[in-house]
Amino acid sequence: MRSLRWIAFAWLMLGAGPALAQDRGVSYSTWIVADNVVTLRYVLPVTEAQRLTRADVPLLTMGRLEDYLLEHLSVDSAGGECPAIDQGFDLGRVDPLAVGPDLYGFEIFFRCRDPRQLVLRNTALFARSPGHVDFARIQIHDRDIEQLFTARQQQLAIPDDRPLAAAGLFALLGMGARHVLHSADRWCFILGMLLIVGWGWRKPGYLLAALAAGYLLALMLAASGWILPRPLPLEAFVGFLVALLGGVITQRMLRSAGIPGAIWPAGLLLLALAVALAHSPASIWMLLGAAALGAGMLLLARETGFTAAWPVLAVLFALLDGFVLPGVLPPAHLPRAGQLRMLIGFDLGALSSEALLLALAAGAWFLIRRRRFGLSQALMQDVCAAALSGLGTFWLLSRLR
């Protein structure tokens, strides 16, 4: 057990380095193939556009984006490169579209001399953000096919002799796995749970079962359409759960609900008041809910001896993580069946990566279980709890909007 805590301690300390290392983004593209013309509609969140162009002025941002997209979005065919055509009416080759708030939309027409052996290319944003994902919808022969453009797949060949296949399960699993493994807050939470759950032949399995239950619940709610999550509040609340995990570990060491049970939720209430003064209603309600949940979880942990606290934390974490993909998919306008398949693959990939993290910790525990360390176990747990609380609070406050 002591070795397991040391493994969790070491990996949590590694989380302090990449706390700001998450570099992901999304965009959306629709490719409509009709005879010798390919119509591309490209949608980009405003935040991604501003980060790309380094301009906050809409007109300046739009002008730079149009030039950039013409350089990085293209179509090839058996007759060579398909040029983007001038649309007239002083629009040029890129027509800005009204696609909704916080989004920029563009339309480009590519005309091919020979429409056979089509190859769609999308190299936009991947050089600047290797974790970027473009959710693509291909419309051809009265069919809608969902696909992905990533740093590893920046072109897509459309076969002439058979239907185009949708994004494979392996690609979806990989997207979900990378989502967890490239997120310091996710693996800090998973490995921090080891400090509460402990080790045995069954306990990591129970933890994975609780995570699977959370992902399944998120899938059911997302498929029903009852909840439309927003990405930024979700990410902020994941940071809150990391901090709450640190508070639960601290309370278990103190065996009292006094200090962590009162001061930390009270601090969140003060933050809510500060945000209220800054006129941010969404953050106010989130912080108030976090304060109430934090106080309730710490009380539950004290009253049940921590046996009921960790399953609730695990289910809440997986529920929030399961809402990440549904929160960014709506602008893609994918078919419902395609969305469901994508959500299942993504969640399975995320759960598999979490199982891998636990398996690596277990393997390391078996390798060093007989070793003894001079640093006291109590001091090590104090540092782990402080790291979780500090990193989690940082993620919470830095992601508030």
Protein backbone atom coordinates (compact mmCIF):
# COMPACT_ATOMS: atom_id res chain seq x y z
CA MET A 1 0.00 0.00 0.00
CA ARG A 2 2.89 2.35 0.81
CA SER A 3 4.43 1.75 -2.63
CA LEU A 4 1.13 2.43 -4.33
CA ARG A 5 0.86 5.77 -2.57
CA TRP A 6 4.39 6.60 -3.70
CA ILE A 7 3.45 5.84 -7.30
CA ALA A 8 0.42 8.11 -7.07
CA PHE A 9 2.57 10.76 -5.41
CA ALA A 10 5.20 10.68 -8.17
CA TRP A 11 2.66 10.85 -10.99
CA LEU A 12 0.72 13.65 -9.32
CA MET A 13 3.93 15.68 -9.06
CA LEU A 14 4.44 15.19 -12.79
CA GLY A 15 1.01 16.76 -13.29
CA ALA A 16 2.23 20.10 -11.99
CA GLY A 17 4.46 20.55 -15.04
CA PRO A 18 1.94 20.12 -17.86
CA ALA A 19 -0.88 21.94 -16.06
CA LEU A 20 -1.20 24.29 -19.03
CA ALA A 21 -0.03 21.80 -21.67
CA GLN A 22 -3.45 20.95 -23.09
CA ASP A 23 -3.42 22.18 -26.68
CA ARG A 24 -6.54 20.93 -28.38
CA GLY A 25 -9.19 22.49 -30.53
CA VAL A 26 -12.01 21.57 -32.88
CA SER A 27 -13.35 22.68 -36.25
CA TYR A 28 -16.10 21.42 -38.55
CA SER A 29 -16.18 20.81 -42.28
CA THR A 30 -18.88 19.66 -44.69
CA TRP A 31 -17.78 18.43 -48.14
CA ILE A 32 -20.60 18.15 -50.71
CA VAL A 33 -19.62 16.25 -53.86
CA ALA A 34 -21.92 16.91 -56.83
CA ASP A 35 -20.70 16.08 -60.36
CA ASN A 36 -17.47 18.02 -60.92
CA VAL A 37 -17.95 20.54 -58.08
CA VAL A 38 -17.00 20.01 -54.44
CA THR A 39 -18.58 22.50 -52.04
CA LEU A 40 -16.78 22.97 -48.74
CA ARG A 41 -18.38 24.62 -45.73
CA TYR A 42 -15.85 25.18 -42.96
CA VAL A 43 -16.79 26.29 -39.45
CA LEU A 44 -14.32 27.42 -36.81
CA PRO A 45 -14.92 28.62 -33.22
CA VAL A 46 -14.08 32.28 -32.68
CA THR A 47 -11.52 31.41 -29.99
CA GLU A 48 -9.66 29.12 -32.41
CA ALA A 49 -9.74 31.79 -35.12
CA GLN A 50 -8.36 34.45 -32.80
CA ARG A 51 -5.62 32.16 -31.57
CA LEU A 52 -4.70 31.33 -35.17
CA THR A 53 -4.69 34.89 -36.51
CA ARG A 54 -3.69 36.64 -33.27
CA ALA A 55 -6.30 39.31 -33.97
CA ASP A 56 -9.38 40.31 -31.99
CA VAL A 57 -10.86 42.58 -34.70
CA PRO A 58 -13.49 40.55 -36.64
CA LEU A 59 -12.76 42.05 -40.07
CA LEU A 60 -9.03 41.59 -39.68
CA THR A 61 -9.56 38.04 -38.40
CA MET A 62 -11.84 37.15 -41.34
CA GLY A 63 -9.38 38.46 -43.92
CA ARG A 64 -6.47 36.52 -42.50
CA LEU A 65 -8.58 33.38 -42.14
CA GLU A 66 -9.68 33.43 -45.78
CA ASP A 67 -6.09 33.49 -47.02
CA TYR A 68 -5.08 30.82 -44.54
CA LEU A 69 -7.93 28.49 -45.49
CA LEU A 70 -7.18 28.75 -49.21
CA GLU A 71 -3.65 27.59 -48.44
CA HIS A 72 -4.66 24.65 -46.24
CA LEU A 73 -7.94 23.34 -47.69
CA SER A 74 -7.84 21.76 -51.15
CA VAL A 75 -9.25 19.07 -53.43
CA ASP A 76 -7.32 16.89 -55.91
CA SER A 77 -8.71 14.62 -58.62
CA ALA A 78 -7.63 12.52 -61.59
CA GLY A 79 -7.42 15.75 -63.60
CA GLY A 80 -5.06 17.40 -61.11
CA GLU A 81 -5.72 20.00 -58.45
CA CYS A 82 -9.27 21.36 -58.35
CA PRO A 83 -9.00 25.17 -58.13
CA ALA A 84 -11.20 27.27 -55.87
CA ILE A 85 -13.46 29.32 -58.14
CA ASP A 86 -14.42 32.97 -57.85
CA GLN A 87 -18.03 33.19 -56.66
CA GLY A 88 -18.66 36.65 -58.06
CA PHE A 89 -20.60 39.49 -56.40
CA ASP A 90 -17.26 40.70 -54.97
CA LEU A 91 -17.14 37.61 -52.74
CA GLY A 92 -13.90 36.25 -54.13
CA ARG A 93 -13.06 32.59 -53.64
CA VAL A 94 -14.15 32.43 -49.99
CA ASP A 95 -17.70 33.35 -48.98
CA PRO A 96 -18.19 34.18 -45.26
CA LEU A 97 -21.28 32.52 -43.78
CA ALA A 98 -23.51 33.36 -40.83
CA VAL A 99 -23.39 30.16 -38.77
CA GLY A 100 -24.28 31.31 -35.26
CA PRO A 101 -22.73 33.00 -32.25
CA ASP A 102 -19.07 32.34 -31.38
CA LEU A 103 -18.48 30.68 -34.77
CA TYR A 104 -16.96 31.73 -38.09
CA GLY A 105 -18.21 30.02 -41.24
CA PHE A 106 -16.83 29.94 -44.79
CA GLU A 107 -17.86 28.40 -48.11
CA ILE A 108 -15.51 27.45 -50.95
CA PHE A 109 -16.31 25.87 -54.32
CA PHE A 110 -13.73 23.60 -55.96
CA ARG A 111 -14.20 22.75 -59.66
CA CYS A 112 -12.53 19.59 -60.97
CA ARG A 113 -11.72 18.86 -64.62
CA ASP A 114 -12.06 15.12 -63.96
CA PRO A 115 -14.13 14.26 -60.83
CA ARG A 116 -12.64 10.78 -60.45
CA GLN A 117 -10.13 9.78 -57.73
CA LEU A 118 -11.06 12.67 -55.48
CA VAL A 119 -8.78 13.45 -52.54
CA LEU A 120 -9.91 15.91 -49.86
CA ARG A 121 -7.10 17.68 -48.02
CA ASN A 122 -7.34 19.56 -44.74
CA THR A 123 -4.07 20.73 -43.18
CA ALA A 124 -5.53 23.70 -41.29
CA LEU A 125 -4.43 24.18 -37.65
CA PHE A 126 -2.64 20.84 -37.22
CA ALA A 127 0.85 22.35 -37.41
CA ARG A 128 -0.03 24.87 -34.70
CA SER A 129 -2.13 22.47 -32.59
CA PRO A 130 -1.24 18.76 -33.05
CA GLY A 131 -4.21 17.73 -30.92
CA HIS A 132 -6.70 19.53 -33.15
CA VAL A 133 -9.64 17.53 -34.54
CA ASP A 134 -11.83 18.47 -37.51
CA PHE A 135 -15.23 16.76 -37.49
CA ALA A 136 -16.03 16.23 -41.17
CA ARG A 137 -19.28 15.32 -42.90
CA ILE A 138 -19.00 14.01 -46.47
CA GLN A 139 -22.13 14.18 -48.63
CA ILE A 140 -21.85 12.02 -51.74
CA HIS A 141 -24.36 9.90 -53.68
CA ASP A 142 -27.18 10.90 -51.28
CA ARG A 143 -25.23 9.59 -48.28
CA ASP A 144 -23.84 11.35 -45.21
CA ILE A 145 -20.57 9.92 -43.92
CA GLU A 146 -18.91 11.15 -40.73
CA GLN A 147 -15.10 11.32 -40.81
CA LEU A 148 -12.22 12.89 -38.88
CA PHE A 149 -9.30 15.01 -39.99
CA THR A 150 -6.44 14.86 -37.49
CA ALA A 151 -2.72 15.51 -37.46
CA ARG A 152 -2.26 11.87 -38.50
CA GLN A 153 -4.96 11.94 -41.18
CA GLN A 154 -4.92 15.18 -43.13
CA GLN A 155 -6.27 13.82 -46.39
CA LEU A 156 -9.14 11.55 -47.34
CA ALA A 157 -9.39 9.64 -50.62
CA ILE A 158 -12.90 8.99 -51.99
CA PRO A 159 -12.98 5.63 -53.83
CA ASP A 160 -14.67 5.46 -57.22
CA ASP A 161 -15.66 1.78 -57.06
CA ARG A 162 -17.17 1.48 -53.58
CA PRO A 163 -18.92 3.63 -50.93
CA LEU A 164 -16.80 5.77 -48.67
CA ALA A 165 -16.47 4.26 -45.18
CA ALA A 166 -17.14 6.25 -42.01
CA ALA A 167 -14.44 6.93 -39.44
CA GLY A 168 -13.23 3.60 -38.08
CA LEU A 169 -13.63 2.41 -34.51
CA PHE A 170 -9.86 2.49 -34.01
CA ALA A 171 -9.77 6.22 -34.84
CA LEU A 172 -12.58 6.92 -32.38
CA LEU A 173 -10.93 4.85 -29.65
CA GLY A 174 -7.67 6.70 -30.25
CA MET A 175 -9.40 10.07 -30.01
CA GLY A 176 -10.93 9.14 -26.65
CA ALA A 177 -7.67 7.69 -25.33
CA ARG A 178 -5.66 10.76 -26.32
CA HIS A 179 -8.29 12.97 -24.71
CA VAL A 180 -7.48 11.42 -21.31
CA LEU A 181 -3.75 10.78 -21.70
CA HIS A 182 -3.07 14.32 -22.94
CA SER A 183 -5.11 15.91 -20.12
CA ALA A 184 -3.15 16.41 -16.93
CA ASP A 185 -6.33 16.99 -14.91
CA ARG A 186 -7.81 13.64 -16.01
CA TRP A 187 -4.90 11.44 -15.08
CA CYS A 188 -4.26 13.43 -11.90
CA PHE A 189 -7.82 12.59 -10.84
CA ILE A 190 -7.57 8.90 -11.80
CA LEU A 191 -4.26 8.38 -10.04
CA GLY A 192 -5.31 10.52 -7.08
CA MET A 193 -8.25 8.17 -6.57
CA LEU A 194 -5.71 5.47 -5.71
CA LEU A 195 -4.98 7.34 -2.49
CA ILE A 196 -8.61 6.79 -1.43
CA VAL A 197 -9.51 3.49 -3.07
CA GLY A 198 -6.28 1.74 -2.13
CA TRP A 199 -5.07 -1.48 -3.68
CA GLY A 200 -6.34 -5.01 -3.76
CA TRP A 201 -7.47 -7.58 -6.25
CA ARG A 202 -10.89 -6.01 -6.67
CA LYS A 203 -10.75 -2.32 -5.77
CA PRO A 204 -9.33 -1.02 -9.10
CA GLY A 205 -12.03 -3.07 -10.81
CA TYR A 206 -14.67 -1.37 -8.67
CA LEU A 207 -13.19 2.01 -9.64
CA LEU A 208 -13.36 1.14 -13.35
CA ALA A 209 -16.95 -0.06 -12.90
CA ALA A 210 -17.90 3.28 -11.33
CA LEU A 211 -16.22 5.14 -14.19
CA ALA A 212 -18.03 2.96 -16.74
CA ALA A 213 -21.35 3.71 -15.03
CA GLY A 214 -20.68 7.45 -15.32
CA TYR A 215 -19.83 7.20 -19.02
CA LEU A 216 -22.93 5.10 -19.66
CA LEU A 217 -25.13 7.64 -17.89
CA ALA A 218 -23.60 10.47 -19.93
CA LEU A 219 -24.16 8.50 -23.14
CA MET A 220 -27.82 7.93 -22.32
CA LEU A 221 -28.41 11.61 -21.48
CA ALA A 222 -26.54 12.82 -24.56
CA ALA A 223 -28.37 10.40 -26.87
CA SER A 224 -31.73 11.52 -25.50
CA GLY A 225 -30.93 15.16 -26.25
CA TRP A 226 -32.13 16.27 -22.81
CA ILE A 227 -28.84 17.96 -21.96
CA LEU A 228 -26.67 20.17 -24.17
CA PRO A 229 -23.43 20.67 -22.23
CA ARG A 230 -21.05 23.61 -22.69
CA PRO A 231 -17.33 22.71 -22.95
CA LEU A 232 -15.81 25.49 -20.82
CA PRO A 233 -17.99 24.98 -17.69
CA LEU A 234 -17.37 21.23 -17.99
CA GLU A 235 -13.61 21.69 -17.98
CA ALA A 236 -13.81 24.08 -15.03
CA PHE A 237 -15.91 21.58 -13.06
CA VAL A 238 -13.39 18.80 -13.76
CA GLY A 239 -10.81 21.03 -12.09
CA PHE A 240 -13.20 21.43 -9.16
CA LEU A 241 -13.46 17.64 -8.79
CA VAL A 242 -9.66 17.36 -8.68
CA ALA A 243 -9.58 19.95 -5.90
CA LEU A 244 -12.45 18.19 -4.10
CA LEU A 245 -10.49 14.95 -4.23
CA GLY A 246 -7.64 16.70 -2.44
CA GLY A 247 -10.11 17.93 0.20
CA VAL A 248 -11.48 14.41 0.76
CA ILE A 249 -7.95 13.03 1.21
CA THR A 250 -7.16 15.81 3.69
CA GLN A 251 -10.34 15.16 5.65
CA ARG A 252 -9.59 11.45 5.87
CA MET A 253 -6.21 12.25 7.39
CA LEU A 254 -7.73 14.72 9.87
CA ARG A 255 -10.71 12.46 10.66
CA SER A 256 -12.82 15.59 11.04
CA ALA A 257 -15.14 17.67 8.89
CA GLY A 258 -14.09 20.85 10.63
CA ILE A 259 -11.34 22.57 8.63
CA PRO A 260 -11.77 21.23 5.07
CA GLY A 261 -15.50 20.78 5.50
CA ALA A 262 -16.16 24.43 6.29
CA ILE A 263 -13.37 26.63 4.96
CA TRP A 264 -13.06 25.30 1.41
CA PRO A 265 -16.78 25.48 0.46
CA ALA A 266 -16.92 28.86 2.16
CA GLY A 267 -14.04 29.95 -0.06
CA LEU A 268 -16.04 28.92 -3.12
CA LEU A 269 -18.97 31.00 -1.88
CA LEU A 270 -16.66 34.01 -1.61
CA LEU A 271 -15.47 33.33 -5.15
CA ALA A 272 -19.09 33.23 -6.30
CA LEU A 273 -19.64 36.65 -4.71
CA ALA A 274 -16.53 37.99 -6.45
CA VAL A 275 -17.72 36.65 -9.79
CA ALA A 276 -21.15 38.20 -9.16
CA LEU A 277 -19.45 41.58 -8.88
CA ALA A 278 -17.78 40.87 -12.23
CA HIS A 279 -21.19 40.19 -13.87
CA SER A 280 -20.71 36.56 -14.92
CA PRO A 281 -23.99 34.74 -14.12
CA ALA A 282 -22.98 31.35 -15.51
CA SER A 283 -19.89 31.20 -13.30
CA ILE A 284 -21.91 32.33 -10.27
CA TRP A 285 -24.27 29.38 -10.44
CA MET A 286 -21.45 26.96 -11.15
CA LEU A 287 -19.45 28.12 -8.13
CA LEU A 288 -22.52 28.04 -5.90
CA GLY A 289 -23.24 24.50 -7.06
CA ALA A 290 -19.60 23.55 -6.52
CA ALA A 291 -19.70 24.94 -2.97
CA ALA A 292 -22.86 22.97 -2.14
CA LEU A 293 -21.51 19.78 -3.74
CA GLY A 294 -18.16 20.17 -1.98
CA ALA A 295 -19.76 20.56 1.44
CA GLY A 296 -22.10 17.62 0.80
CA MET A 297 -19.29 15.34 -0.43
CA LEU A 298 -17.05 16.14 2.52
CA LEU A 299 -19.93 15.47 4.92
CA LEU A 300 -20.74 12.21 3.11
CA ALA A 301 -17.10 11.17 3.31
CA ARG A 302 -17.01 11.78 7.06
CA GLU A 303 -20.31 10.04 7.83
CA THR A 304 -19.68 6.92 5.70
CA GLY A 305 -16.01 6.40 6.43
CA PHE A 306 -15.09 7.28 2.83
CA THR A 307 -16.60 4.06 1.46
CA ALA A 308 -19.41 5.93 -0.33
CA ALA A 309 -17.49 9.08 -1.27
CA TRP A 310 -15.12 7.66 -3.87
CA PRO A 311 -17.79 5.90 -6.03
CA VAL A 312 -19.78 9.15 -6.17
CA LEU A 313 -16.66 11.09 -7.14
CA ALA A 314 -15.78 8.54 -9.84
CA VAL A 315 -19.28 8.56 -11.34
CA LEU A 316 -19.41 12.38 -11.33
CA PHE A 317 -16.02 12.60 -13.02
CA ALA A 318 -16.94 10.10 -15.75
CA LEU A 319 -20.33 11.78 -16.23
CA LEU A 320 -18.65 15.13 -16.87
CA ASP A 321 -15.97 13.59 -19.07
CA GLY A 322 -18.65 11.78 -21.04
CA PHE A 323 -20.24 15.15 -21.87
CA VAL A 324 -17.06 16.54 -23.47
CA LEU A 325 -17.68 15.21 -26.98
CA PRO A 326 -21.45 15.93 -27.00
CA GLY A 327 -20.57 19.50 -26.02
CA VAL A 328 -18.55 20.13 -29.21
CA LEU A 329 -20.45 18.02 -31.77
CA PRO A 330 -23.59 20.13 -32.49
CA PRO A 331 -21.99 22.47 -35.11
CA ALA A 332 -20.91 19.39 -37.10
CA HIS A 333 -24.57 18.50 -37.84
CA LEU A 334 -23.74 14.79 -38.01
CA PRO A 335 -26.47 12.15 -38.48
CA ARG A 336 -27.84 10.87 -35.16
CA ALA A 337 -26.59 7.33 -35.78
CA GLY A 338 -23.14 8.66 -36.62
CA GLN A 339 -23.07 10.79 -33.48
CA LEU A 340 -24.02 7.83 -31.32
CA ARG A 341 -21.31 5.64 -32.86
CA MET A 342 -18.77 8.40 -32.34
CA LEU A 343 -19.79 8.88 -28.69
CA ILE A 344 -19.53 5.14 -27.96
CA GLY A 345 -16.08 4.88 -29.53
CA PHE A 346 -14.84 8.00 -27.75
CA ASP A 347 -16.08 6.84 -24.33
CA LEU A 348 -14.61 3.37 -24.79
CA GLY A 349 -11.28 4.93 -25.70
CA ALA A 350 -11.35 7.19 -22.65
CA LEU A 351 -12.23 4.30 -20.34
CA SER A 352 -9.51 2.13 -21.89
CA SER A 353 -6.87 4.80 -21.28
CA GLU A 354 -7.99 5.10 -17.65
CA ALA A 355 -7.70 1.33 -17.30
CA LEU A 356 -4.20 1.61 -18.77
CA LEU A 357 -3.20 4.23 -16.20
CA LEU A 358 -4.39 2.00 -13.37
CA ALA A 359 -2.66 -1.03 -14.90
CA LEU A 360 0.63 0.87 -15.15
CA ALA A 361 0.30 1.93 -11.52
CA ALA A 362 -0.43 -1.69 -10.55
CA GLY A 363 2.57 -2.96 -12.50
CA ALA A 364 4.84 -0.39 -10.84
CA TRP A 365 3.42 -1.35 -7.45
CA PHE A 366 4.27 -5.01 -7.98
CA LEU A 367 7.80 -4.10 -9.05
CA ILE A 368 8.64 -1.93 -6.04
CA ARG A 369 6.31 -3.23 -3.34
CA ARG A 370 9.20 -4.52 -1.19
CA ARG A 371 11.15 -1.29 -1.22
CA ARG A 372 11.07 1.06 1.74
CA PHE A 373 11.36 4.83 1.68
CA GLY A 374 12.53 7.20 4.37
CA LEU A 375 9.93 9.90 3.82
CA SER A 376 6.97 9.55 6.12
CA GLN A 377 3.68 8.37 4.67
CA ALA A 378 1.76 11.19 6.37
CA LEU A 379 4.01 13.84 4.80
CA MET A 380 3.66 12.24 1.38
CA GLN A 381 -0.14 12.21 1.67
CA ASP A 382 -0.10 15.85 2.75
CA VAL A 383 1.88 16.80 -0.35
CA CYS A 384 -0.42 14.75 -2.62
CA ALA A 385 -3.54 16.36 -1.16
CA ALA A 386 -1.99 19.82 -1.46
CA ALA A 387 -1.01 19.14 -5.09
CA LEU A 388 -4.51 17.97 -5.97
CA SER A 389 -6.19 20.89 -4.23
CA GLY A 390 -3.82 23.46 -5.70
CA LEU A 391 -3.90 22.14 -9.28
CA GLY A 392 -7.65 21.60 -9.17
CA THR A 393 -8.35 25.12 -7.89
CA PHE A 394 -6.02 26.54 -10.54
CA TRP A 395 -7.86 24.65 -13.30
CA LEU A 396 -11.23 25.74 -11.86
CA LEU A 397 -10.42 29.45 -11.70
CA SER A 398 -8.44 29.62 -14.98
CA ARG A 399 -11.33 28.05 -16.93
CA LEU A 400 -14.13 30.23 -15.59
CA ARG A 401 -15.76 32.48 -18.17
